Amino acid sequence: MFTGLIEEVGTVAAVRTTEDGTQLQIAAPRMAKQTKIGESIAVNGCCLTLRSRRAGNLTFDLLEETTARTNLKHLRPQNRVNLERALSAEGRLGGHFVQGHVDCASAIVAFDRKGADFRLEIKLPGEFAHYVTGKGSVAVNGISLTVAEIRTNTFAVWIIPYTKRHTNLNSLHAGDLVNLEFDNLAKYVERMLQKRTRSRRVKKTSGGFRSTGRP
């Protein structure tokens, strides 16, 4: 479990294809001193297990599902990535609960400065649109952000200068892909409503609902 508060912006050192799959190596001197092999680290919001650490570098194995669903498959050396360690039991929850299970990678539609702040507009795939609500939470490349606007095929969030400077948003532009994880609470509510609907259908089919003759 993560909070969506980025601790360090690492730099991709290498992406290798091996017999076991894909390995991602990231230069992150501060994070390398604070972590142990086997720990979970969110990389651009995607929960990965630390395979090894050496000389300030972190190495991870990427599953096929990970590369298929996230923007990690597009990473190249010198690309910047957001990093966050898993939340400790005594940690403070400053963002929102983020699982590190990316729903999809979606394109930035616009990223413009508006006064002192920045407006980030992202394409919203139709299959996930019902998870987004005004003032709700969404993780963008692992950053906990609040939904400010919802349009037909996009949504927008506002970025303060501090967040832009201290995350990899500082190097992104329109057309770039960002990882999205929608609020898990909405998914639980959806699941419960689906189960209730199916239960009612079963009861009705089996004769559990009987007409009283009243309108």
C-alpha atoms as a PDB file:
ATOM      1  CA  MET A   1       0.000   0.000   0.000  1.00  0.00           C
ATOM      2  CA  PHE A   2       1.225   3.489  -0.914  1.00  0.00           C
ATOM      3  CA  THR A   3       0.033   7.059  -0.371  1.00  0.00           C
ATOM      4  CA  GLY A   4       0.802   8.793  -3.668  1.00  0.00           C
ATOM      5  CA  LEU A   5       3.448  11.058  -2.126  1.00  0.00           C
ATOM      6  CA  ILE A   6       6.629  10.788  -4.198  1.00  0.00           C
ATOM      7  CA  GLU A   7       9.849  10.367  -2.229  1.00  0.00           C
ATOM      8  CA  GLU A   8      12.426  10.529  -4.998  1.00  0.00           C
ATOM      9  CA  VAL A   9      12.623  10.932  -8.759  1.00  0.00           C
ATOM     10  CA  GLY A  10      14.969   8.295 -10.126  1.00  0.00           C
ATOM     11  CA  THR A  11      16.686   8.054 -13.492  1.00  0.00           C
ATOM     12  CA  VAL A  12      16.445   4.969 -15.701  1.00  0.00           C
ATOM     13  CA  ALA A  13      19.930   3.482 -16.002  1.00  0.00           C
ATOM     14  CA  ALA A  14      19.083   0.475 -18.166  1.00  0.00           C
ATOM     15  CA  VAL A  15      16.256  -1.653 -19.542  1.00  0.00           C
ATOM     16  CA  ARG A  16      17.359  -5.201 -20.373  1.00  0.00           C
ATOM     17  CA  THR A  17      15.670  -8.205 -21.925  1.00  0.00           C
ATOM     18  CA  THR A  18      16.804 -11.445 -20.284  1.00  0.00           C
ATOM     19  CA  GLU A  19      15.797 -15.096 -20.419  1.00  0.00           C
ATOM     20  CA  ASP A  20      13.519 -14.418 -17.456  1.00  0.00           C
ATOM     21  CA  GLY A  21      11.870 -11.350 -19.001  1.00  0.00           C
ATOM     22  CA  THR A  22      12.562  -7.640 -18.676  1.00  0.00           C
ATOM     23  CA  GLN A  23      14.779  -6.025 -16.055  1.00  0.00           C
ATOM     24  CA  LEU A  24      14.569  -2.355 -15.147  1.00  0.00           C
ATOM     25  CA  GLN A  25      17.500  -0.623 -13.460  1.00  0.00           C
ATOM     26  CA  ILE A  26      17.013   2.789 -11.874  1.00  0.00           C
ATOM     27  CA  ALA A  27      19.578   5.156 -10.403  1.00  0.00           C
ATOM     28  CA  ALA A  28      18.163   6.391  -7.089  1.00  0.00           C
ATOM     29  CA  PRO A  29      20.933   7.034  -4.528  1.00  0.00           C
ATOM     30  CA  ARG A  30      18.686   8.057  -1.640  1.00  0.00           C
ATOM     31  CA  MET A  31      16.119   5.293  -2.153  1.00  0.00           C
ATOM     32  CA  ALA A  32      18.895   2.683  -2.466  1.00  0.00           C
ATOM     33  CA  LYS A  33      20.119   3.562   1.039  1.00  0.00           C
ATOM     34  CA  GLN A  34      16.635   3.244   2.545  1.00  0.00           C
ATOM     35  CA  THR A  35      15.426  -0.047   1.064  1.00  0.00           C
ATOM     36  CA  LYS A  36      16.140  -3.773   1.303  1.00  0.00           C
ATOM     37  CA  ILE A  37      15.952  -6.522  -1.303  1.00  0.00           C
ATOM     38  CA  GLY A  38      12.417  -7.909  -1.512  1.00  0.00           C
ATOM     39  CA  GLU A  39      10.708  -4.663  -0.506  1.00  0.00           C
ATOM     40  CA  SER A  40       7.910  -3.112  -2.565  1.00  0.00           C
ATOM     41  CA  ILE A  41       8.533   0.180  -4.351  1.00  0.00           C
ATOM     42  CA  ALA A  42       6.081   2.056  -6.559  1.00  0.00           C
ATOM     43  CA  VAL A  43       7.730   3.029  -9.849  1.00  0.00           C
ATOM     44  CA  ASN A  44       5.528   5.516 -11.698  1.00  0.00           C
ATOM     45  CA  GLY A  45       2.757   4.181  -9.482  1.00  0.00           C
ATOM     46  CA  CYS A  46       3.385   0.523 -10.338  1.00  0.00           C
ATOM     47  CA  CYS A  47       4.201  -1.736  -7.374  1.00  0.00           C
ATOM     48  CA  LEU A  48       7.446  -3.620  -8.060  1.00  0.00           C
ATOM     49  CA  THR A  49       9.612  -5.900  -5.925  1.00  0.00           C
ATOM     50  CA  LEU A  50      13.228  -4.862  -5.462  1.00  0.00           C
ATOM     51  CA  ARG A  51      15.439  -7.606  -6.930  1.00  0.00           C
ATOM     52  CA  SER A  52      18.802  -6.054  -6.092  1.00  0.00           C
ATOM     53  CA  ARG A  53      20.500  -2.803  -5.177  1.00  0.00           C
ATOM     54  CA  ARG A  54      24.091  -1.844  -5.860  1.00  0.00           C
ATOM     55  CA  ALA A  55      26.037   1.402  -6.044  1.00  0.00           C
ATOM     56  CA  GLY A  56      22.914   3.540  -5.782  1.00  0.00           C
ATOM     57  CA  ASN A  57      20.996   1.532  -8.401  1.00  0.00           C
ATOM     58  CA  LEU A  58      17.735  -0.396  -7.941  1.00  0.00           C
ATOM     59  CA  THR A  59      16.895  -3.385 -10.151  1.00  0.00           C
ATOM     60  CA  PHE A  60      13.406  -4.796 -10.740  1.00  0.00           C
ATOM     61  CA  ASP A  61      11.896  -7.627 -12.797  1.00  0.00           C
ATOM     62  CA  LEU A  62       8.910  -6.665 -14.950  1.00  0.00           C
ATOM     63  CA  LEU A  63       6.086  -9.125 -15.584  1.00  0.00           C
ATOM     64  CA  GLU A  64       4.439  -9.293 -19.018  1.00  0.00           C
ATOM     65  CA  GLU A  65       1.227  -7.968 -17.447  1.00  0.00           C
ATOM     66  CA  THR A  66       3.166  -4.999 -16.066  1.00  0.00           C
ATOM     67  CA  THR A  67       4.709  -4.058 -19.384  1.00  0.00           C
ATOM     68  CA  ALA A  68       1.402  -4.551 -21.212  1.00  0.00           C
ATOM     69  CA  ARG A  69      -0.665  -2.361 -18.874  1.00  0.00           C
ATOM     70  CA  THR A  70       1.742   0.423 -17.871  1.00  0.00           C
ATOM     71  CA  ASN A  71       4.041   3.022 -19.396  1.00  0.00           C
ATOM     72  CA  LEU A  72       7.108   1.182 -18.079  1.00  0.00           C
ATOM     73  CA  LYS A  73       7.477  -0.559 -21.451  1.00  0.00           C
ATOM     74  CA  HIS A  74       8.304   2.815 -23.013  1.00  0.00           C
ATOM     75  CA  LEU A  75      11.077   3.693 -20.572  1.00  0.00           C
ATOM     76  CA  ARG A  76      14.531   4.417 -21.952  1.00  0.00           C
ATOM     77  CA  PRO A  77      17.839   5.352 -20.279  1.00  0.00           C
ATOM     78  CA  GLN A  78      17.768   8.871 -18.764  1.00  0.00           C
ATOM     79  CA  ASN A  79      13.962   8.862 -18.438  1.00  0.00           C
ATOM     80  CA  ARG A  80      12.768  10.061 -15.033  1.00  0.00           C
ATOM     81  CA  VAL A  81      10.496   7.922 -12.835  1.00  0.00           C
ATOM     82  CA  ASN A  82       8.581   8.595  -9.625  1.00  0.00           C
ATOM     83  CA  LEU A  83       9.509   6.417  -6.641  1.00  0.00           C
ATOM     84  CA  GLU A  84       7.716   5.729  -3.360  1.00  0.00           C
ATOM     85  CA  ARG A  85       8.326   3.103  -0.693  1.00  0.00           C
ATOM     86  CA  ALA A  86       5.404   1.118   0.712  1.00  0.00           C
ATOM     87  CA  LEU A  87       3.587   2.771   3.622  1.00  0.00           C
ATOM     88  CA  SER A  88       4.861   1.653   7.024  1.00  0.00           C
ATOM     89  CA  ALA A  89       2.412   0.907   9.846  1.00  0.00           C
ATOM     90  CA  GLU A  90       3.427   4.052  11.730  1.00  0.00           C
ATOM     91  CA  GLY A  91       3.526   6.202   8.578  1.00  0.00           C
ATOM     92  CA  ARG A  92       1.335   9.226   7.893  1.00  0.00           C
ATOM     93  CA  LEU A  93      -1.256   9.017   5.117  1.00  0.00           C
ATOM     94  CA  GLY A  94      -0.837  12.343   3.372  1.00  0.00           C
ATOM     95  CA  GLY A  95      -2.380  11.420  -0.002  1.00  0.00           C
ATOM     96  CA  HIS A  96      -4.854   8.559  -0.450  1.00  0.00           C
ATOM     97  CA  PHE A  97      -4.637   4.761  -0.412  1.00  0.00           C
ATOM     98  CA  VAL A  98      -2.807   3.681  -3.576  1.00  0.00           C
ATOM     99  CA  GLN A  99      -2.330  -0.040  -4.221  1.00  0.00           C
ATOM    100  CA  GLY A 100       0.254   0.224  -6.948  1.00  0.00           C
ATOM    101  CA  HIS A 101      -2.019  -1.725  -9.295  1.00  0.00           C
ATOM    102  CA  VAL A 102      -2.141   0.431 -12.422  1.00  0.00           C
ATOM    103  CA  ASP A 103      -5.440   0.359 -14.306  1.00  0.00           C
ATOM    104  CA  CYS A 104      -4.142   1.761 -17.581  1.00  0.00           C
ATOM    105  CA  ALA A 105      -1.649   4.073 -19.261  1.00  0.00           C
ATOM    106  CA  SER A 106      -3.259   7.099 -20.882  1.00  0.00           C
ATOM    107  CA  ALA A 107      -2.038  10.075 -22.892  1.00  0.00           C
ATOM    108  CA  ILE A 108      -1.648  13.635 -21.664  1.00  0.00           C
ATOM    109  CA  VAL A 109      -3.961  15.837 -23.718  1.00  0.00           C
ATOM    110  CA  ALA A 110      -2.731  19.208 -22.437  1.00  0.00           C
ATOM    111  CA  PHE A 111      -0.300  20.442 -19.790  1.00  0.00           C
ATOM    112  CA  ASP A 112      -0.405  24.222 -19.511  1.00  0.00           C
ATOM    113  CA  ARG A 113       0.627  26.857 -17.033  1.00  0.00           C
ATOM    114  CA  LYS A 114      -2.275  28.840 -15.617  1.00  0.00           C
ATOM    115  CA  GLY A 115      -0.989  31.654 -13.449  1.00  0.00           C
ATOM    116  CA  ALA A 116       1.215  30.173 -10.732  1.00  0.00           C
ATOM    117  CA  ASP A 117      -0.132  26.637 -11.185  1.00  0.00           C
ATOM    118  CA  PHE A 118      -0.470  24.052 -13.956  1.00  0.00           C
ATOM    119  CA  ARG A 119      -3.505  22.377 -15.492  1.00  0.00           C
ATOM    120  CA  LEU A 120      -2.975  18.745 -16.516  1.00  0.00           C
ATOM    121  CA  GLU A 121      -5.621  17.183 -18.784  1.00  0.00           C
ATOM    122  CA  ILE A 122      -5.518  13.444 -19.432  1.00  0.00           C
ATOM    123  CA  LYS A 123      -7.483  11.199 -21.775  1.00  0.00           C
ATOM    124  CA  LEU A 124     -10.095   9.166 -19.886  1.00  0.00           C
ATOM    125  CA  PRO A 125     -10.790   5.708 -21.365  1.00  0.00           C
ATOM    126  CA  GLY A 126     -14.517   5.005 -21.411  1.00  0.00           C
ATOM    127  CA  GLU A 127     -14.215   1.715 -19.497  1.00  0.00           C
ATOM    128  CA  PHE A 128     -12.830   3.589 -16.483  1.00  0.00           C
ATOM    129  CA  ALA A 129     -14.838   6.815 -16.696  1.00  0.00           C
ATOM    130  CA  HIS A 130     -17.341   5.762 -14.009  1.00  0.00           C
ATOM    131  CA  TYR A 131     -14.544   5.593 -11.426  1.00  0.00           C
ATOM    132  CA  VAL A 132     -13.809   9.318 -11.736  1.00  0.00           C
ATOM    133  CA  THR A 133     -15.738  11.924  -9.775  1.00  0.00           C
ATOM    134  CA  GLY A 134     -15.216  15.595  -9.050  1.00  0.00           C
ATOM    135  CA  LYS A 135     -12.966  16.164  -6.005  1.00  0.00           C
ATOM    136  CA  GLY A 136     -12.202  12.440  -5.999  1.00  0.00           C
ATOM    137  CA  SER A 137      -8.697  10.985  -5.936  1.00  0.00           C
ATOM    138  CA  VAL A 138      -6.647   9.508  -8.759  1.00  0.00           C
ATOM    139  CA  ALA A 139      -3.014   8.396  -8.910  1.00  0.00           C
ATOM    140  CA  VAL A 140      -1.146   9.781 -11.935  1.00  0.00           C
ATOM    141  CA  ASN A 141       2.294   8.172 -12.333  1.00  0.00           C
ATOM    142  CA  GLY A 142       1.903   7.320  -8.665  1.00  0.00           C
ATOM    143  CA  ILE A 143       1.109  10.906  -7.581  1.00  0.00           C
ATOM    144  CA  SER A 144      -2.011  11.391  -5.466  1.00  0.00           C
ATOM    145  CA  LEU A 145      -4.052  14.103  -7.196  1.00  0.00           C
ATOM    146  CA  THR A 146      -7.578  15.511  -6.919  1.00  0.00           C
ATOM    147  CA  VAL A 147      -9.909  15.515  -9.923  1.00  0.00           C
ATOM    148  CA  ALA A 148     -10.862  19.088 -10.758  1.00  0.00           C
ATOM    149  CA  GLU A 149     -12.742  18.697 -14.058  1.00  0.00           C
ATOM    150  CA  ILE A 150     -14.465  15.869 -15.901  1.00  0.00           C
ATOM    151  CA  ARG A 151     -15.255  16.106 -19.604  1.00  0.00           C
ATOM    152  CA  THR A 152     -16.625  13.607 -22.116  1.00  0.00           C
ATOM    153  CA  ASN A 153     -13.328  11.839 -22.822  1.00  0.00           C
ATOM    154  CA  THR A 154     -10.873  13.552 -20.485  1.00  0.00           C
ATOM    155  CA  PHE A 155     -10.354  14.691 -16.918  1.00  0.00           C
ATOM    156  CA  ALA A 156      -8.153  17.418 -15.486  1.00  0.00           C
ATOM    157  CA  VAL A 157      -6.172  17.979 -12.303  1.00  0.00           C
ATOM    158  CA  TRP A 158      -4.329  21.028 -11.048  1.00  0.00           C
ATOM    159  CA  ILE A 159      -0.638  20.833 -10.199  1.00  0.00           C
ATOM    160  CA  ILE A 160       1.116  23.186  -7.794  1.00  0.00           C
ATOM    161  CA  PRO A 161       4.708  24.212  -8.632  1.00  0.00           C
ATOM    162  CA  TYR A 162       6.162  22.097  -5.794  1.00  0.00           C
ATOM    163  CA  THR A 163       4.562  18.906  -7.147  1.00  0.00           C
ATOM    164  CA  LYS A 164       5.754  19.633 -10.680  1.00  0.00           C
ATOM    165  CA  ARG A 165       9.327  20.292  -9.549  1.00  0.00           C
ATOM    166  CA  HIS A 166       9.551  17.237  -7.289  1.00  0.00           C
ATOM    167  CA  THR A 167       8.021  14.609  -9.612  1.00  0.00           C
ATOM    168  CA  ASN A 168       8.628  13.480 -13.164  1.00  0.00           C
ATOM    169  CA  LEU A 169       5.734  15.662 -14.326  1.00  0.00           C
ATOM    170  CA  ASN A 170       8.445  18.277 -14.740  1.00  0.00           C
ATOM    171  CA  SER A 171       9.701  16.420 -17.830  1.00  0.00           C
ATOM    172  CA  LEU A 172       6.373  15.399 -19.391  1.00  0.00           C
ATOM    173  CA  HIS A 173       4.422  16.993 -22.232  1.00  0.00           C
ATOM    174  CA  ALA A 174       1.224  16.517 -24.243  1.00  0.00           C
ATOM    175  CA  GLY A 175       1.233  13.086 -25.899  1.00  0.00           C
ATOM    176  CA  ASP A 176       3.259  11.359 -23.189  1.00  0.00           C
ATOM    177  CA  LEU A 177       1.686   8.368 -21.428  1.00  0.00           C
ATOM    178  CA  VAL A 178       1.023   8.396 -17.685  1.00  0.00           C
ATOM    179  CA  ASN A 179      -0.035   5.507 -15.478  1.00  0.00           C
ATOM    180  CA  LEU A 180      -3.474   5.833 -13.914  1.00  0.00           C
ATOM    181  CA  GLU A 181      -4.823   4.077 -10.847  1.00  0.00           C
ATOM    182  CA  PHE A 182      -8.375   4.977  -9.935  1.00  0.00           C
ATOM    183  CA  ASP A 183      -9.624   5.150  -6.356  1.00  0.00           C
ATOM    184  CA  ASN A 184     -10.064   1.641  -4.988  1.00  0.00           C
ATOM    185  CA  LEU A 185     -13.143   2.658  -2.963  1.00  0.00           C
ATOM    186  CA  ALA A 186     -15.113   3.163  -6.189  1.00  0.00           C
ATOM    187  CA  LYS A 187     -14.145  -0.338  -7.329  1.00  0.00           C
ATOM    188  CA  TYR A 188     -15.403  -1.917  -4.094  1.00  0.00           C
ATOM    189  CA  VAL A 189     -18.697  -0.049  -4.362  1.00  0.00           C
ATOM    190  CA  GLU A 190     -19.080  -1.203  -7.970  1.00  0.00           C
ATOM    191  CA  ARG A 191     -18.365  -4.798  -6.967  1.00  0.00           C
ATOM    192  CA  MET A 192     -20.921  -4.749  -4.140  1.00  0.00           C
ATOM    193  CA  LEU A 193     -23.621  -3.250  -6.366  1.00  0.00           C
ATOM    194  CA  GLN A 194     -22.958  -5.875  -9.044  1.00  0.00           C
ATOM    195  CA  LYS A 195     -23.258  -8.658  -6.476  1.00  0.00           C
ATOM    196  CA  ARG A 196     -26.525  -7.218  -5.133  1.00  0.00           C
ATOM    197  CA  THR A 197     -27.952  -6.931  -8.650  1.00  0.00           C
ATOM    198  CA  ARG A 198     -27.038 -10.552  -9.478  1.00  0.00           C
ATOM    199  CA  SER A 199     -28.537 -11.740  -6.190  1.00  0.00           C
ATOM    200  CA  ARG A 200     -31.842 -10.023  -6.937  1.00  0.00           C
ATOM    201  CA  ARG A 201     -31.929 -11.508 -10.427  1.00  0.00           C
ATOM    202  CA  VAL A 202     -31.380 -15.017  -9.037  1.00  0.00           C
ATOM    203  CA  LYS A 203     -34.158 -14.591  -6.477  1.00  0.00           C
ATOM    204  CA  LYS A 204     -36.533 -13.285  -9.112  1.00  0.00           C
ATOM    205  CA  THR A 205     -35.743 -16.165 -11.472  1.00  0.00           C
ATOM    206  CA  SER A 206     -36.212 -18.770  -8.732  1.00  0.00           C
ATOM    207  CA  GLY A 207     -39.528 -17.327  -7.654  1.00  0.00           C
ATOM    208  CA  GLY A 208     -38.198 -15.484  -4.658  1.00  0.00           C
ATOM    209  CA  PHE A 209     -40.148 -12.375  -5.689  1.00  0.00           C
ATOM    210  CA  ARG A 210     -43.913 -12.900  -5.869  1.00  0.00           C
ATOM    211  CA  SER A 211     -46.518 -10.503  -7.145  1.00  0.00           C
ATOM    212  CA  THR A 212     -49.080  -9.218  -4.662  1.00  0.00           C
ATOM    213  CA  GLY A 213     -51.427  -8.063  -7.379  1.00  0.00           C
ATOM    214  CA  ARG A 214     -50.892  -4.482  -6.360  1.00  0.00           C
ATOM    215  CA  PRO A 215     -49.429  -1.879  -8.727  1.00  0.00           C
END
